Amino acid sequence: IKRLGGPNFAHLPINAPKCPVAHFQQDGHMAAVNPQGRVNYEPNSWPAEQRGPREDPVRGFTSVAVAESGDKRRVRPASFADHYSQANQFFHSQLPVEQQHIIDAFVFELSKVERSDIRERVVANLRNVAEDMADAIGSRLGFAEMPAATPAAANPVTDLEPSRKLSILANGPKSFAGRKVGVLIADGASATAWNALRKAFVSEGATVEVIGPTITGVTLDDGTMLPAKQMLGGGPSVLYDAVAVLASDDGAVLLSAHPAAKQFVTDAHNHCKVVGFVPAVRQLFNAAGLTALVDSGYIDVSARKGATVMVEACRAGRIWSRADKPTDFAKPSPNGREKRLVRR
């Protein structure tokens, strides 16, 4: 698998089975052939003619029992039927914001599923993983009542201790090295603020990219011509691990009228990123409707020490407290209990 770089090594003629094999496997790297049809999972509830391949108990493969010290059989330990214990441990090993990301991902994907009965069966499975997670997902999907949990093939172990090593955020890097900072700059911006910001992040080992109103670049307040790496609208803040906005009063007015500039700071805020700014840029925050939402993740970099403070804030990671603010229209729980998840 490693040598060929993908899971479909059995598609190569030298590796392919001599007898045709029907299964649900498809797609993936280096796939040479793929089965036709909509169904690629099991079990499924489609009609028999669309349900896909099934084992043939008469002509299909079977293991022959050979009498040696006992019967030779193709069997698995009973623990193989436990599909939920590890998922339970994994979910409860995450920090609250990571748990919320898992819930958000399930809600997003299940909202694309056309059939309500399939959505309900997925949530019924998830009840065996974590009731609080399934309850939150069902609420966000608009379930009037929760489906009964799917009968488990084997009783899951629910008292496994959480493991800190399973959390990405709990084991994050202590440095901002290797990350990328996007600096949106308009004409007349402070050369002092720019130079301090660039020096601080380059010393940290980070990459700094300039986003300008045009790809030609901008002219700083000391007359320096600063070329741009990206053009406003072509370098969104989602490309960067942290952002900063530098502008004069006049430049901030121009940015405030630019939809892409407002989108730049709005996305950075919604993705909980550290945002560096100079006082003039508050006009842009006002235009984007962020004034009341500015928090400790917004760093004034107009003074020389501001760049150092921003680097320190970036080392600490994203400003996950922003994610605590409700942004959806989830229905209240029927029993009235709080939907916020906590690490047990």
C-alpha atoms as a PDB file:
ATOM      1  CA  ILE A   1       0.000   0.000   0.000  1.00  0.00           C
ATOM      2  CA  LYS A   2       2.799   2.436   0.884  1.00  0.00           C
ATOM      3  CA  ARG A   3       4.789   1.730  -2.272  1.00  0.00           C
ATOM      4  CA  LEU A   4       1.824   2.331  -4.566  1.00  0.00           C
ATOM      5  CA  GLY A   5       0.560   5.278  -2.564  1.00  0.00           C
ATOM      6  CA  GLY A   6      -3.035   4.192  -2.244  1.00  0.00           C
ATOM      7  CA  PRO A   7      -5.528   1.496  -1.251  1.00  0.00           C
ATOM      8  CA  ASN A   8      -6.466   0.327  -4.760  1.00  0.00           C
ATOM      9  CA  PHE A   9      -3.438  -1.867  -5.396  1.00  0.00           C
ATOM     10  CA  ALA A  10      -5.813  -4.768  -6.161  1.00  0.00           C
ATOM     11  CA  HIS A  11      -6.852  -2.973  -9.368  1.00  0.00           C
ATOM     12  CA  LEU A  12      -3.463  -3.730 -10.946  1.00  0.00           C
ATOM     13  CA  PRO A  13      -3.759  -6.844 -13.130  1.00  0.00           C
ATOM     14  CA  ILE A  14      -0.913  -8.628 -11.368  1.00  0.00           C
ATOM     15  CA  ASN A  15      -2.677  -8.160  -8.019  1.00  0.00           C
ATOM     16  CA  ALA A  16      -6.289  -8.521  -9.144  1.00  0.00           C
ATOM     17  CA  PRO A  17      -8.287 -11.628  -8.146  1.00  0.00           C
ATOM     18  CA  LYS A  18      -8.853 -14.105 -10.972  1.00  0.00           C
ATOM     19  CA  CYS A  19     -12.487 -14.508 -10.009  1.00  0.00           C
ATOM     20  CA  PRO A  20     -14.622 -11.344 -10.356  1.00  0.00           C
ATOM     21  CA  VAL A  21     -15.385  -9.822  -6.985  1.00  0.00           C
ATOM     22  CA  ALA A  22     -18.413  -7.648  -6.200  1.00  0.00           C
ATOM     23  CA  HIS A  23     -18.232  -5.293  -3.231  1.00  0.00           C
ATOM     24  CA  PHE A  24     -19.041  -1.756  -2.126  1.00  0.00           C
ATOM     25  CA  GLN A  25     -15.512  -0.383  -2.332  1.00  0.00           C
ATOM     26  CA  GLN A  26     -15.040   2.535  -4.694  1.00  0.00           C
ATOM     27  CA  ASP A  27     -13.135   5.763  -5.262  1.00  0.00           C
ATOM     28  CA  GLY A  28      -9.866   6.539  -3.525  1.00  0.00           C
ATOM     29  CA  HIS A  29      -6.392   7.149  -4.874  1.00  0.00           C
ATOM     30  CA  MET A  30      -5.386   5.253  -8.056  1.00  0.00           C
ATOM     31  CA  ALA A  31      -8.819   3.696  -8.559  1.00  0.00           C
ATOM     32  CA  ALA A  32      -8.893   2.100 -12.038  1.00  0.00           C
ATOM     33  CA  VAL A  33     -12.482   0.824 -12.054  1.00  0.00           C
ATOM     34  CA  ASN A  34     -15.498   1.738  -9.987  1.00  0.00           C
ATOM     35  CA  PRO A  35     -18.863   0.012  -9.628  1.00  0.00           C
ATOM     36  CA  GLN A  36     -21.893   1.780 -11.007  1.00  0.00           C
ATOM     37  CA  GLY A  37     -24.794   2.834  -8.829  1.00  0.00           C
ATOM     38  CA  ARG A  38     -25.695   5.139  -6.019  1.00  0.00           C
ATOM     39  CA  VAL A  39     -25.229   2.804  -3.060  1.00  0.00           C
ATOM     40  CA  ASN A  40     -21.730   2.372  -1.641  1.00  0.00           C
ATOM     41  CA  TYR A  41     -22.460   1.475   1.963  1.00  0.00           C
ATOM     42  CA  GLU A  42     -23.922  -1.355   4.001  1.00  0.00           C
ATOM     43  CA  PRO A  43     -26.438  -1.743   5.523  1.00  0.00           C
ATOM     44  CA  ASN A  44     -28.775   0.252   3.316  1.00  0.00           C
ATOM     45  CA  SER A  45     -32.511   0.415   2.842  1.00  0.00           C
ATOM     46  CA  TRP A  46     -32.714   0.624  -0.924  1.00  0.00           C
ATOM     47  CA  PRO A  47     -34.877  -1.846  -2.901  1.00  0.00           C
ATOM     48  CA  ALA A  48     -33.373  -5.269  -3.496  1.00  0.00           C
ATOM     49  CA  GLU A  49     -32.511  -4.544  -7.127  1.00  0.00           C
ATOM     50  CA  GLN A  50     -30.583  -1.427  -6.061  1.00  0.00           C
ATOM     51  CA  ARG A  51     -29.188  -2.666  -2.772  1.00  0.00           C
ATOM     52  CA  GLY A  52     -25.852  -3.818  -4.165  1.00  0.00           C
ATOM     53  CA  PRO A  53     -23.830  -7.029  -3.931  1.00  0.00           C
ATOM     54  CA  ARG A  54     -24.601  -9.625  -1.286  1.00  0.00           C
ATOM     55  CA  GLU A  55     -22.830 -12.746  -0.116  1.00  0.00           C
ATOM     56  CA  ASP A  56     -24.098 -15.917  -1.768  1.00  0.00           C
ATOM     57  CA  PRO A  57     -24.462 -18.569   0.956  1.00  0.00           C
ATOM     58  CA  VAL A  58     -24.470 -21.343  -1.669  1.00  0.00           C
ATOM     59  CA  ARG A  59     -21.832 -20.338  -4.215  1.00  0.00           C
ATOM     60  CA  GLY A  60     -19.933 -17.768  -2.202  1.00  0.00           C
ATOM     61  CA  PHE A  61     -16.671 -18.223  -0.325  1.00  0.00           C
ATOM     62  CA  THR A  62     -16.766 -20.259   2.852  1.00  0.00           C
ATOM     63  CA  SER A  63     -14.054 -21.482   5.185  1.00  0.00           C
ATOM     64  CA  VAL A  64     -13.730 -25.237   5.329  1.00  0.00           C
ATOM     65  CA  ALA A  65     -13.771 -26.704   8.834  1.00  0.00           C
ATOM     66  CA  VAL A  66     -10.699 -28.898   9.276  1.00  0.00           C
ATOM     67  CA  ALA A  67     -10.510 -31.267  12.234  1.00  0.00           C
ATOM     68  CA  GLU A  68      -7.181 -30.744  13.880  1.00  0.00           C
ATOM     69  CA  SER A  69      -7.103 -29.975  17.594  1.00  0.00           C
ATOM     70  CA  GLY A  70     -10.446 -28.349  16.909  1.00  0.00           C
ATOM     71  CA  ASP A  71     -12.415 -26.855  14.091  1.00  0.00           C
ATOM     72  CA  LYS A  72     -10.595 -24.389  11.918  1.00  0.00           C
ATOM     73  CA  ARG A  73     -12.955 -21.484  11.380  1.00  0.00           C
ATOM     74  CA  ARG A  74     -12.950 -17.909  10.163  1.00  0.00           C
ATOM     75  CA  VAL A  75     -14.076 -16.065  13.302  1.00  0.00           C
ATOM     76  CA  ARG A  76     -13.408 -12.798  15.103  1.00  0.00           C
ATOM     77  CA  PRO A  77     -13.172 -12.039  18.803  1.00  0.00           C
ATOM     78  CA  ALA A  78     -16.376 -10.750  20.375  1.00  0.00           C
ATOM     79  CA  SER A  79     -14.679  -7.377  20.898  1.00  0.00           C
ATOM     80  CA  PHE A  80     -14.815  -6.805  17.127  1.00  0.00           C
ATOM     81  CA  ALA A  81     -18.547  -6.247  17.503  1.00  0.00           C
ATOM     82  CA  ASP A  82     -17.968  -3.261  19.797  1.00  0.00           C
ATOM     83  CA  HIS A  83     -18.225  -0.352  17.386  1.00  0.00           C
ATOM     84  CA  TYR A  84     -18.755   2.449  19.878  1.00  0.00           C
ATOM     85  CA  SER A  85     -16.361   2.317  22.844  1.00  0.00           C
ATOM     86  CA  GLN A  86     -13.377   3.911  21.109  1.00  0.00           C
ATOM     87  CA  ALA A  87     -15.597   6.582  19.554  1.00  0.00           C
ATOM     88  CA  ASN A  88     -17.001   7.352  23.013  1.00  0.00           C
ATOM     89  CA  GLN A  89     -13.515   7.722  24.474  1.00  0.00           C
ATOM     90  CA  PHE A  90     -12.372   9.848  21.547  1.00  0.00           C
ATOM     91  CA  PHE A  91     -15.306  12.271  21.807  1.00  0.00           C
ATOM     92  CA  HIS A  92     -14.968  12.755  25.554  1.00  0.00           C
ATOM     93  CA  SER A  93     -11.200  13.241  25.211  1.00  0.00           C
ATOM     94  CA  GLN A  94     -11.731  16.378  23.140  1.00  0.00           C
ATOM     95  CA  LEU A  95     -11.811  19.898  24.521  1.00  0.00           C
ATOM     96  CA  PRO A  96     -15.287  21.496  24.470  1.00  0.00           C
ATOM     97  CA  VAL A  97     -14.562  23.479  21.299  1.00  0.00           C
ATOM     98  CA  GLU A  98     -13.380  20.305  19.552  1.00  0.00           C
ATOM     99  CA  GLN A  99     -16.544  18.518  20.639  1.00  0.00           C
ATOM    100  CA  GLN A 100     -18.531  21.364  19.130  1.00  0.00           C
ATOM    101  CA  HIS A 101     -16.591  21.031  15.863  1.00  0.00           C
ATOM    102  CA  ILE A 102     -17.523  17.338  15.708  1.00  0.00           C
ATOM    103  CA  ILE A 103     -21.179  18.191  16.291  1.00  0.00           C
ATOM    104  CA  ASP A 104     -21.073  20.950  13.672  1.00  0.00           C
ATOM    105  CA  ALA A 105     -19.527  18.539  11.156  1.00  0.00           C
ATOM    106  CA  PHE A 106     -22.235  15.914  11.700  1.00  0.00           C
ATOM    107  CA  VAL A 107     -24.969  18.550  11.440  1.00  0.00           C
ATOM    108  CA  PHE A 108     -23.487  19.907   8.207  1.00  0.00           C
ATOM    109  CA  GLU A 109     -23.116  16.500   6.555  1.00  0.00           C
ATOM    110  CA  LEU A 110     -26.485  15.174   7.695  1.00  0.00           C
ATOM    111  CA  SER A 111     -28.203  18.336   6.485  1.00  0.00           C
ATOM    112  CA  LYS A 112     -27.154  17.233   2.975  1.00  0.00           C
ATOM    113  CA  VAL A 113     -28.808  13.810   3.357  1.00  0.00           C
ATOM    114  CA  GLU A 114     -32.104  13.825   1.476  1.00  0.00           C
ATOM    115  CA  ARG A 115     -33.949  11.129   3.420  1.00  0.00           C
ATOM    116  CA  SER A 116     -35.084  11.874   6.948  1.00  0.00           C
ATOM    117  CA  ASP A 117     -35.097   8.190   7.938  1.00  0.00           C
ATOM    118  CA  ILE A 118     -31.383   7.922   7.134  1.00  0.00           C
ATOM    119  CA  ARG A 119     -30.656  11.044   9.188  1.00  0.00           C
ATOM    120  CA  GLU A 120     -32.540   9.528  12.089  1.00  0.00           C
ATOM    121  CA  ARG A 121     -30.705   6.196  11.834  1.00  0.00           C
ATOM    122  CA  VAL A 122     -27.330   7.963  11.947  1.00  0.00           C
ATOM    123  CA  VAL A 123     -28.335   9.849  15.090  1.00  0.00           C
ATOM    124  CA  ALA A 124     -29.700   6.586  16.528  1.00  0.00           C
ATOM    125  CA  ASN A 125     -26.212   5.097  16.025  1.00  0.00           C
ATOM    126  CA  LEU A 126     -24.581   8.140  17.631  1.00  0.00           C
ATOM    127  CA  ARG A 127     -26.643   7.673  20.781  1.00  0.00           C
ATOM    128  CA  ASN A 128     -24.442   4.638  21.465  1.00  0.00           C
ATOM    129  CA  VAL A 129     -21.358   6.877  21.232  1.00  0.00           C
ATOM    130  CA  ALA A 130     -22.413   9.809  23.412  1.00  0.00           C
ATOM    131  CA  GLU A 131     -25.931  10.839  24.390  1.00  0.00           C
ATOM    132  CA  ASP A 132     -24.969  14.500  24.798  1.00  0.00           C
ATOM    133  CA  MET A 133     -23.460  14.599  21.307  1.00  0.00           C
ATOM    134  CA  ALA A 134     -26.429  12.845  19.686  1.00  0.00           C
ATOM    135  CA  ASP A 135     -28.878  15.088  21.558  1.00  0.00           C
ATOM    136  CA  ALA A 136     -27.115  18.232  20.326  1.00  0.00           C
ATOM    137  CA  ILE A 137     -27.037  16.958  16.738  1.00  0.00           C
ATOM    138  CA  GLY A 138     -30.700  15.944  16.802  1.00  0.00           C
ATOM    139  CA  SER A 139     -31.678  19.347  18.177  1.00  0.00           C
ATOM    140  CA  ARG A 140     -29.736  21.177  15.462  1.00  0.00           C
ATOM    141  CA  LEU A 141     -31.358  18.996  12.779  1.00  0.00           C
ATOM    142  CA  GLY A 142     -34.785  19.926  14.110  1.00  0.00           C
ATOM    143  CA  PHE A 143     -35.890  16.521  15.429  1.00  0.00           C
ATOM    144  CA  ALA A 144     -39.176  16.781  17.306  1.00  0.00           C
ATOM    145  CA  GLU A 145     -38.056  13.789  19.369  1.00  0.00           C
ATOM    146  CA  MET A 146     -34.947  11.664  19.447  1.00  0.00           C
ATOM    147  CA  PRO A 147     -34.987   8.247  17.741  1.00  0.00           C
ATOM    148  CA  ALA A 148     -34.374   5.197  19.890  1.00  0.00           C
ATOM    149  CA  ALA A 149     -30.752   4.110  20.060  1.00  0.00           C
ATOM    150  CA  THR A 150     -29.734   1.431  17.574  1.00  0.00           C
ATOM    151  CA  PRO A 151     -29.363  -1.932  19.347  1.00  0.00           C
ATOM    152  CA  ALA A 152     -25.619  -2.446  19.743  1.00  0.00           C
ATOM    153  CA  ALA A 153     -24.058  -5.708  18.579  1.00  0.00           C
ATOM    154  CA  ALA A 154     -21.958  -5.637  21.752  1.00  0.00           C
ATOM    155  CA  ASN A 155     -22.442  -3.474  24.801  1.00  0.00           C
ATOM    156  CA  PRO A 156     -20.014  -0.546  24.545  1.00  0.00           C
ATOM    157  CA  VAL A 157     -17.663   0.284  27.380  1.00  0.00           C
ATOM    158  CA  THR A 158     -18.684   3.721  28.612  1.00  0.00           C
ATOM    159  CA  ASP A 159     -16.233   4.263  31.475  1.00  0.00           C
ATOM    160  CA  LEU A 160     -12.982   4.512  29.498  1.00  0.00           C
ATOM    161  CA  GLU A 161     -10.848   7.341  30.854  1.00  0.00           C
ATOM    162  CA  PRO A 162     -10.421  10.344  28.508  1.00  0.00           C
ATOM    163  CA  SER A 163      -6.958  10.612  26.983  1.00  0.00           C
ATOM    164  CA  ARG A 164      -5.340  14.022  26.577  1.00  0.00           C
ATOM    165  CA  LYS A 165      -3.266  12.648  23.705  1.00  0.00           C
ATOM    166  CA  LEU A 166      -6.398  12.325  21.546  1.00  0.00           C
ATOM    167  CA  SER A 167      -6.999  16.089  21.545  1.00  0.00           C
ATOM    168  CA  ILE A 168      -5.344  18.212  18.867  1.00  0.00           C
ATOM    169  CA  LEU A 169      -5.804  21.480  20.756  1.00  0.00           C
ATOM    170  CA  ALA A 170      -4.489  20.035  24.010  1.00  0.00           C
ATOM    171  CA  ASN A 171      -1.280  19.071  22.201  1.00  0.00           C
ATOM    172  CA  GLY A 172      -0.860  22.096  19.960  1.00  0.00           C
ATOM    173  CA  PRO A 173       2.492  23.687  19.132  1.00  0.00           C
ATOM    174  CA  LYS A 174       3.925  26.236  21.528  1.00  0.00           C
ATOM    175  CA  SER A 175       5.372  28.323  18.703  1.00  0.00           C
ATOM    176  CA  PHE A 176       3.861  30.112  15.715  1.00  0.00           C
ATOM    177  CA  ALA A 177       6.745  28.959  13.496  1.00  0.00           C
ATOM    178  CA  GLY A 178       5.675  27.571  10.152  1.00  0.00           C
ATOM    179  CA  ARG A 179       2.364  29.454  10.196  1.00  0.00           C
ATOM    180  CA  LYS A 180       1.292  32.230   7.854  1.00  0.00           C
ATOM    181  CA  VAL A 181       0.117  35.770   8.608  1.00  0.00           C
ATOM    182  CA  GLY A 182      -1.869  37.812   6.111  1.00  0.00           C
ATOM    183  CA  VAL A 183      -1.492  41.592   6.424  1.00  0.00           C
ATOM    184  CA  LEU A 184      -4.115  43.671   4.640  1.00  0.00           C
ATOM    185  CA  ILE A 185      -2.540  47.081   3.930  1.00  0.00           C
ATOM    186  CA  ALA A 186      -3.886  50.253   2.329  1.00  0.00           C
ATOM    187  CA  ASP A 187      -1.972  53.305   1.043  1.00  0.00           C
ATOM    188  CA  GLY A 188      -0.594  55.565   3.754  1.00  0.00           C
ATOM    189  CA  ALA A 189      -0.259  52.809   6.344  1.00  0.00           C
ATOM    190  CA  SER A 190       2.402  53.160   9.009  1.00  0.00           C
ATOM    191  CA  ALA A 191       5.808  51.924   7.892  1.00  0.00           C
ATOM    192  CA  THR A 192       6.809  51.638  11.555  1.00  0.00           C
ATOM    193  CA  ALA A 193       3.896  49.309  12.346  1.00  0.00           C
ATOM    194  CA  TRP A 194       4.557  47.241   9.211  1.00  0.00           C
ATOM    195  CA  ASN A 195       8.273  46.827   9.857  1.00  0.00           C
ATOM    196  CA  ALA A 196       7.712  45.875  13.504  1.00  0.00           C
ATOM    197  CA  LEU A 197       5.051  43.358  12.542  1.00  0.00           C
ATOM    198  CA  ARG A 198       7.134  41.788   9.771  1.00  0.00           C
ATOM    199  CA  LYS A 199      10.257  41.600  11.948  1.00  0.00           C
ATOM    200  CA  ALA A 200       8.420  40.008  14.900  1.00  0.00           C
ATOM    201  CA  PHE A 201       6.771  37.268  12.847  1.00  0.00           C
ATOM    202  CA  VAL A 202       9.786  36.506  10.660  1.00  0.00           C
ATOM    203  CA  SER A 203      11.852  36.148  13.842  1.00  0.00           C
ATOM    204  CA  GLU A 204       9.217  33.695  15.081  1.00  0.00           C
ATOM    205  CA  GLY A 205       9.664  31.626  11.919  1.00  0.00           C
ATOM    206  CA  ALA A 206       6.336  32.576  10.372  1.00  0.00           C
ATOM    207  CA  THR A 207       5.598  33.669   6.807  1.00  0.00           C
ATOM    208  CA  VAL A 208       4.151  37.144   6.269  1.00  0.00           C
ATOM    209  CA  GLU A 209       2.150  37.966   3.139  1.00  0.00           C
ATOM    210  CA  VAL A 210       0.880  41.375   2.039  1.00  0.00           C
ATOM    211  CA  ILE A 211      -2.656  41.749   0.683  1.00  0.00           C
ATOM    212  CA  GLY A 212      -3.187  45.060  -1.125  1.00  0.00           C
ATOM    213  CA  PRO A 213      -6.123  46.778  -2.832  1.00  0.00           C
ATOM    214  CA  THR A 214      -4.217  46.084  -6.070  1.00  0.00           C
ATOM    215  CA  ILE A 215      -1.540  43.520  -6.842  1.00  0.00           C
ATOM    216  CA  THR A 216       0.875  46.392  -7.568  1.00  0.00           C
ATOM    217  CA  GLY A 217       1.065  47.068  -3.852  1.00  0.00           C
ATOM    218  CA  VAL A 218       0.797  50.126  -1.608  1.00  0.00           C
ATOM    219  CA  THR A 219       2.801  53.184  -0.635  1.00  0.00           C
ATOM    220  CA  LEU A 220       3.537  53.474   3.095  1.00  0.00           C
ATOM    221  CA  ASP A 221       3.598  56.761   5.017  1.00  0.00           C
ATOM    222  CA  ASP A 222       7.374  57.074   4.613  1.00  0.00           C
ATOM    223  CA  GLY A 223       7.153  56.761   0.830  1.00  0.00           C
ATOM    224  CA  THR A 224       8.214  53.116   0.711  1.00  0.00           C
ATOM    225  CA  MET A 225       6.580  51.115  -2.080  1.00  0.00           C
ATOM    226  CA  LEU A 226       5.456  47.753  -0.669  1.00  0.00           C
ATOM    227  CA  PRO A 227       4.560  45.098  -3.283  1.00  0.00           C
ATOM    228  CA  ALA A 228       1.578  42.860  -2.615  1.00  0.00           C
ATOM    229  CA  LYS A 229       1.573  39.078  -2.683  1.00  0.00           C
ATOM    230  CA  GLN A 230      -2.204  38.907  -2.990  1.00  0.00           C
ATOM    231  CA  MET A 231      -4.878  41.285  -4.223  1.00  0.00           C
ATOM    232  CA  LEU A 232      -7.826  42.160  -1.987  1.00  0.00           C
ATOM    233  CA  GLY A 233     -10.561  39.711  -2.961  1.00  0.00           C
ATOM    234  CA  GLY A 234      -7.994  37.148  -4.107  1.00  0.00           C
ATOM    235  CA  GLY A 235      -6.323  36.636  -0.733  1.00  0.00           C
ATOM    236  CA  PRO A 236      -9.124  35.883   1.750  1.00  0.00           C
ATOM    237  CA  SER A 237      -8.345  35.588   5.443  1.00  0.00           C
ATOM    238  CA  VAL A 238      -9.166  31.854   5.401  1.00  0.00           C
ATOM    239  CA  LEU A 239      -5.734  31.336   3.819  1.00  0.00           C
ATOM    240  CA  TYR A 240      -3.928  32.589   6.923  1.00  0.00           C
ATOM    241  CA  ASP A 241      -3.446  31.479  10.522  1.00  0.00           C
ATOM    242  CA  ALA A 242      -3.640  35.076  11.758  1.00  0.00           C
ATOM    243  CA  VAL A 243      -4.282  38.439  10.118  1.00  0.00           C
ATOM    244  CA  ALA A 244      -3.540  42.114  10.578  1.00  0.00           C
ATOM    245  CA  VAL A 245      -4.982  45.237   8.974  1.00  0.00           C
ATOM    246  CA  LEU A 246      -2.870  48.402   8.577  1.00  0.00           C
ATOM    247  CA  ALA A 247      -4.239  51.606   7.111  1.00  0.00           C
ATOM    248  CA  SER A 248      -4.260  55.376   7.463  1.00  0.00           C
ATOM    249  CA  ASP A 249      -7.516  57.196   8.166  1.00  0.00           C
ATOM    250  CA  ASP A 250      -8.118  57.722   4.437  1.00  0.00           C
ATOM    251  CA  GLY A 251      -7.107  54.153   3.636  1.00  0.00           C
ATOM    252  CA  ALA A 252      -9.479  52.821   6.287  1.00  0.00           C
ATOM    253  CA  VAL A 253     -12.342  54.765   4.697  1.00  0.00           C
ATOM    254  CA  LEU A 254     -11.623  53.093   1.358  1.00  0.00           C
ATOM    255  CA  LEU A 255     -11.395  49.630   2.951  1.00  0.00           C
ATOM    256  CA  SER A 256     -14.652  50.211   4.821  1.00  0.00           C
ATOM    257  CA  ALA A 257     -16.455  50.636   1.511  1.00  0.00           C
ATOM    258  CA  HIS A 258     -14.915  47.494  -0.003  1.00  0.00           C
ATOM    259  CA  PRO A 259     -17.042  44.302   0.402  1.00  0.00           C
ATOM    260  CA  ALA A 260     -13.964  42.056   0.212  1.00  0.00           C
ATOM    261  CA  ALA A 261     -12.268  43.972   3.046  1.00  0.00           C
ATOM    262  CA  LYS A 262     -15.330  43.586   5.257  1.00  0.00           C
ATOM    263  CA  GLN A 263     -15.457  39.895   4.376  1.00  0.00           C
ATOM    264  CA  PHE A 264     -11.743  39.598   5.195  1.00  0.00           C
ATOM    265  CA  VAL A 265     -12.174  40.748   8.807  1.00  0.00           C
ATOM    266  CA  THR A 266     -15.553  39.039   9.266  1.00  0.00           C
ATOM    267  CA  ASP A 267     -14.161  35.635   8.269  1.00  0.00           C
ATOM    268  CA  ALA A 268     -11.090  36.136  10.458  1.00  0.00           C
ATOM    269  CA  HIS A 269     -13.364  36.907  13.406  1.00  0.00           C
ATOM    270  CA  ASN A 270     -15.703  33.976  12.763  1.00  0.00           C
ATOM    271  CA  HIS A 271     -12.761  31.583  12.473  1.00  0.00           C
ATOM    272  CA  CYS A 272     -11.490  32.772  15.863  1.00  0.00           C
ATOM    273  CA  LYS A 273      -8.176  34.115  14.545  1.00  0.00           C
ATOM    274  CA  VAL A 274      -5.961  36.704  16.171  1.00  0.00           C
ATOM    275  CA  VAL A 275      -6.438  40.078  14.443  1.00  0.00           C
ATOM    276  CA  GLY A 276      -3.818  42.826  14.553  1.00  0.00           C
ATOM    277  CA  PHE A 277      -4.937  46.373  13.778  1.00  0.00           C
ATOM    278  CA  VAL A 278      -4.183  50.074  14.099  1.00  0.00           C
ATOM    279  CA  PRO A 279      -6.784  52.486  15.549  1.00  0.00           C
ATOM    280  CA  ALA A 280      -7.870  53.810  12.139  1.00  0.00           C
ATOM    281  CA  VAL A 281      -9.064  50.329  11.159  1.00  0.00           C
ATOM    282  CA  ARG A 282     -11.891  50.483  13.692  1.00  0.00           C
ATOM    283  CA  GLN A 283     -13.833  52.137  10.869  1.00  0.00           C
ATOM    284  CA  LEU A 284     -13.608  48.850   8.969  1.00  0.00           C
ATOM    285  CA  PHE A 285     -14.705  46.877  12.032  1.00  0.00           C
ATOM    286  CA  ASN A 286     -17.688  49.228  12.376  1.00  0.00           C
ATOM    287  CA  ALA A 287     -18.625  48.731   8.725  1.00  0.00           C
ATOM    288  CA  ALA A 288     -18.389  44.949   9.137  1.00  0.00           C
ATOM    289  CA  GLY A 289     -20.580  45.004  12.253  1.00  0.00           C
ATOM    290  CA  LEU A 290     -17.823  43.716  14.531  1.00  0.00           C
ATOM    291  CA  THR A 291     -17.497  46.641  16.941  1.00  0.00           C
ATOM    292  CA  ALA A 292     -19.368  45.003  19.800  1.00  0.00           C
ATOM    293  CA  LEU A 293     -17.550  41.699  19.229  1.00  0.00           C
ATOM    294  CA  VAL A 294     -13.960  42.918  19.509  1.00  0.00           C
ATOM    295  CA  ASP A 295     -12.201  40.898  22.223  1.00  0.00           C
ATOM    296  CA  SER A 296      -8.764  40.030  23.593  1.00  0.00           C
ATOM    297  CA  GLY A 297      -7.839  38.481  20.250  1.00  0.00           C
ATOM    298  CA  TYR A 298      -7.736  41.946  18.676  1.00  0.00           C
ATOM    299  CA  ILE A 299      -4.256  43.375  19.178  1.00  0.00           C
ATOM    300  CA  ASP A 300      -3.353  47.028  18.624  1.00  0.00           C
ATOM    301  CA  VAL A 301      -0.054  46.897  16.716  1.00  0.00           C
ATOM    302  CA  SER A 302       0.386  50.647  16.241  1.00  0.00           C
ATOM    303  CA  ALA A 303       3.100  50.689  18.916  1.00  0.00           C
ATOM    304  CA  ARG A 304       6.320  48.680  18.549  1.00  0.00           C
ATOM    305  CA  LYS A 305       5.427  46.379  21.437  1.00  0.00           C
ATOM    306  CA  GLY A 306       2.110  45.588  19.772  1.00  0.00           C
ATOM    307  CA  ALA A 307       3.779  43.254  17.285  1.00  0.00           C
ATOM    308  CA  THR A 308       5.381  41.277  20.118  1.00  0.00           C
ATOM    309  CA  VAL A 309       2.060  41.060  21.936  1.00  0.00           C
ATOM    310  CA  MET A 310       0.405  39.759  18.753  1.00  0.00           C
ATOM    311  CA  VAL A 311       3.038  37.047  18.333  1.00  0.00           C
ATOM    312  CA  GLU A 312       2.469  35.930  21.924  1.00  0.00           C
ATOM    313  CA  ALA A 313      -1.290  35.838  21.326  1.00  0.00           C
ATOM    314  CA  CYS A 314      -0.766  33.751  18.182  1.00  0.00           C
ATOM    315  CA  ARG A 315       1.368  31.251  20.110  1.00  0.00           C
ATOM    316  CA  ALA A 316      -1.555  30.679  22.466  1.00  0.00           C
ATOM    317  CA  GLY A 317      -3.759  29.603  19.552  1.00  0.00           C
ATOM    318  CA  ARG A 318      -7.091  30.817  18.311  1.00  0.00           C
ATOM    319  CA  ILE A 319      -9.593  32.761  20.384  1.00  0.00           C
ATOM    320  CA  TRP A 320     -12.008  29.903  20.974  1.00  0.00           C
ATOM    321  CA  SER A 321     -14.151  31.974  23.348  1.00  0.00           C
ATOM    322  CA  ARG A 322     -15.726  33.464  20.224  1.00  0.00           C
ATOM    323  CA  ALA A 323     -17.070  30.029  19.357  1.00  0.00           C
ATOM    324  CA  ASP A 324     -19.067  30.047  22.609  1.00  0.00           C
ATOM    325  CA  LYS A 325     -21.420  32.630  21.183  1.00  0.00           C
ATOM    326  CA  PRO A 326     -24.518  30.963  19.627  1.00  0.00           C
ATOM    327  CA  THR A 327     -24.641  31.334  15.847  1.00  0.00           C
ATOM    328  CA  ASP A 328     -27.426  28.944  14.908  1.00  0.00           C
ATOM    329  CA  PHE A 329     -31.140  28.530  15.462  1.00  0.00           C
ATOM    330  CA  ALA A 330     -31.139  25.258  17.387  1.00  0.00           C
ATOM    331  CA  LYS A 331     -34.413  24.413  19.041  1.00  0.00           C
ATOM    332  CA  PRO A 332     -34.372  24.321  22.839  1.00  0.00           C
ATOM    333  CA  SER A 333     -34.018  20.895  24.363  1.00  0.00           C
ATOM    334  CA  PRO A 334     -37.395  19.330  25.283  1.00  0.00           C
ATOM    335  CA  ASN A 335     -36.158  18.834  28.831  1.00  0.00           C
ATOM    336  CA  GLY A 336     -34.763  22.353  28.977  1.00  0.00           C
ATOM    337  CA  ARG A 337     -31.208  21.345  29.789  1.00  0.00           C
ATOM    338  CA  GLU A 338     -28.189  23.281  28.601  1.00  0.00           C
ATOM    339  CA  LYS A 339     -26.729  22.210  25.230  1.00  0.00           C
ATOM    340  CA  ARG A 340     -23.197  23.244  26.072  1.00  0.00           C
ATOM    341  CA  LEU A 341     -20.860  20.288  26.264  1.00  0.00           C
ATOM    342  CA  VAL A 342     -18.217  19.852  28.915  1.00  0.00           C
ATOM    343  CA  ARG A 343     -15.242  17.589  29.128  1.00  0.00           C
ATOM    344  CA  ARG A 344     -16.094  14.901  31.637  1.00  0.00           C
END
